[in-house]
C-alpha atoms as a PDB file:
ATOM      1  CA  MET A   1      93.673  99.717 111.510  1.00  0.00           C
ATOM      2  CA  ARG A   2      97.424  99.629 110.915  1.00  0.00           C
ATOM      3  CA  VAL A   3      98.545  97.120 108.270  1.00  0.00           C
ATOM      4  CA  GLN A   4     101.434  96.208 105.991  1.00  0.00           C
ATOM      5  CA  VAL A   5     100.664  96.093 102.270  1.00  0.00           C
ATOM      6  CA  VAL A   6     102.544  95.125  99.148  1.00  0.00           C
ATOM      7  CA  GLN A   7     102.187  97.545  96.246  1.00  0.00           C
ATOM      8  CA  LYS A   8     101.750  96.249  92.689  1.00  0.00           C
ATOM      9  CA  HIS A   9     105.254  97.307  91.589  1.00  0.00           C
ATOM     10  CA  HIS A  10     106.779  95.618  94.669  1.00  0.00           C
ATOM     11  CA  GLN A  11     105.090  92.232  94.234  1.00  0.00           C
ATOM     12  CA  LYS A  12     108.253  90.560  92.913  1.00  0.00           C
ATOM     13  CA  THR A  13     110.437  91.809  95.779  1.00  0.00           C
ATOM     14  CA  GLY A  14     107.757  91.544  98.463  1.00  0.00           C
ATOM     15  CA  GLU A  15     108.653  94.964  99.890  1.00  0.00           C
ATOM     16  CA  LEU A  16     106.033  95.993 102.452  1.00  0.00           C
ATOM     17  CA  THR A  17     104.647  99.447 103.189  1.00  0.00           C
ATOM     18  CA  GLU A  18     103.039 100.176 106.553  1.00  0.00           C
ATOM     19  CA  GLY A  19     100.095 102.497 107.110  1.00  0.00           C
ATOM     20  CA  ILE A  20      96.538 102.988 108.300  1.00  0.00           C
ATOM     21  CA  ILE A  21      93.620 101.827 106.130  1.00  0.00           C
ATOM     22  CA  ALA A  22      91.529 104.665 104.687  1.00  0.00           C
ATOM     23  CA  VAL A  23      89.371 102.745 102.157  1.00  0.00           C
ATOM     24  CA  LEU A  24      88.688  99.076 101.394  1.00  0.00           C
ATOM     25  CA  LEU A  25      88.867  98.607  97.613  1.00  0.00           C
ATOM     26  CA  THR A  26      88.087  94.864  97.374  1.00  0.00           C
ATOM     27  CA  LYS A  27      84.339  94.288  97.538  1.00  0.00           C
ATOM     28  CA  SER A  28      84.518  90.700  98.818  1.00  0.00           C
ATOM     29  CA  SER A  29      85.621  89.706 102.321  1.00  0.00           C
ATOM     30  CA  TYR A  30      88.285  87.362 100.899  1.00  0.00           C
ATOM     31  CA  HIS A  31      90.781  87.468  98.053  1.00  0.00           C
ATOM     32  CA  PRO A  32      93.518  84.848  97.500  1.00  0.00           C
ATOM     33  CA  HIS A  33      96.206  87.546  97.087  1.00  0.00           C
ATOM     34  CA  GLY A  34      94.981  89.805  99.911  1.00  0.00           C
ATOM     35  CA  ILE A  35      92.327  92.478 100.296  1.00  0.00           C
ATOM     36  CA  LYS A  36      93.152  95.608  98.293  1.00  0.00           C
ATOM     37  CA  VAL A  37      93.120  98.828 100.335  1.00  0.00           C
ATOM     38  CA  ARG A  38      94.083 102.485 100.061  1.00  0.00           C
ATOM     39  CA  LEU A  39      96.109 103.760 102.995  1.00  0.00           C
ATOM     40  CA  GLU A  40      95.746 107.247 104.475  1.00  0.00           C
ATOM     41  CA  SER A  41      98.991 108.141 102.667  1.00  0.00           C
ATOM     42  CA  GLY A  42      97.344 107.335  99.306  1.00  0.00           C
ATOM     43  CA  VAL A  43      99.302 104.104  98.750  1.00  0.00           C
ATOM     44  CA  VAL A  44      97.247 101.282  97.213  1.00  0.00           C
ATOM     45  CA  GLY A  45      98.193  97.688  97.902  1.00  0.00           C
ATOM     46  CA  ARG A  46      97.123  94.273  99.121  1.00  0.00           C
ATOM     47  CA  VAL A  47      97.125  93.555 102.861  1.00  0.00           C
ATOM     48  CA  LYS A  48      99.831  91.073 103.885  1.00  0.00           C
ATOM     49  CA  ALA A  49      99.948  91.636 107.663  1.00  0.00           C
ATOM     50  CA  PHE A  50      98.191  93.409 110.513  1.00  0.00           C
ATOM     51  CA  VAL A  51     100.315  95.509 112.871  1.00  0.00           C
ATOM     52  CA  ARG A  52      99.593  95.520 116.595  1.00  0.00           C
ATOM     53  CA  ASP A  53      99.923  98.856 118.389  1.00  0.00           C
END
């Protein structure tokens, strides 16, 4: 699934990084700040948006 995430060091600016989810890191199905994931590129961040193909 292709998503846009915000990395920890970009939280203040809100800069988004796009990629494909490799691993879900948040154990619960909901988190108030977004589900934490690792993208195939190795980037870790919280999901802010889903990208349609």
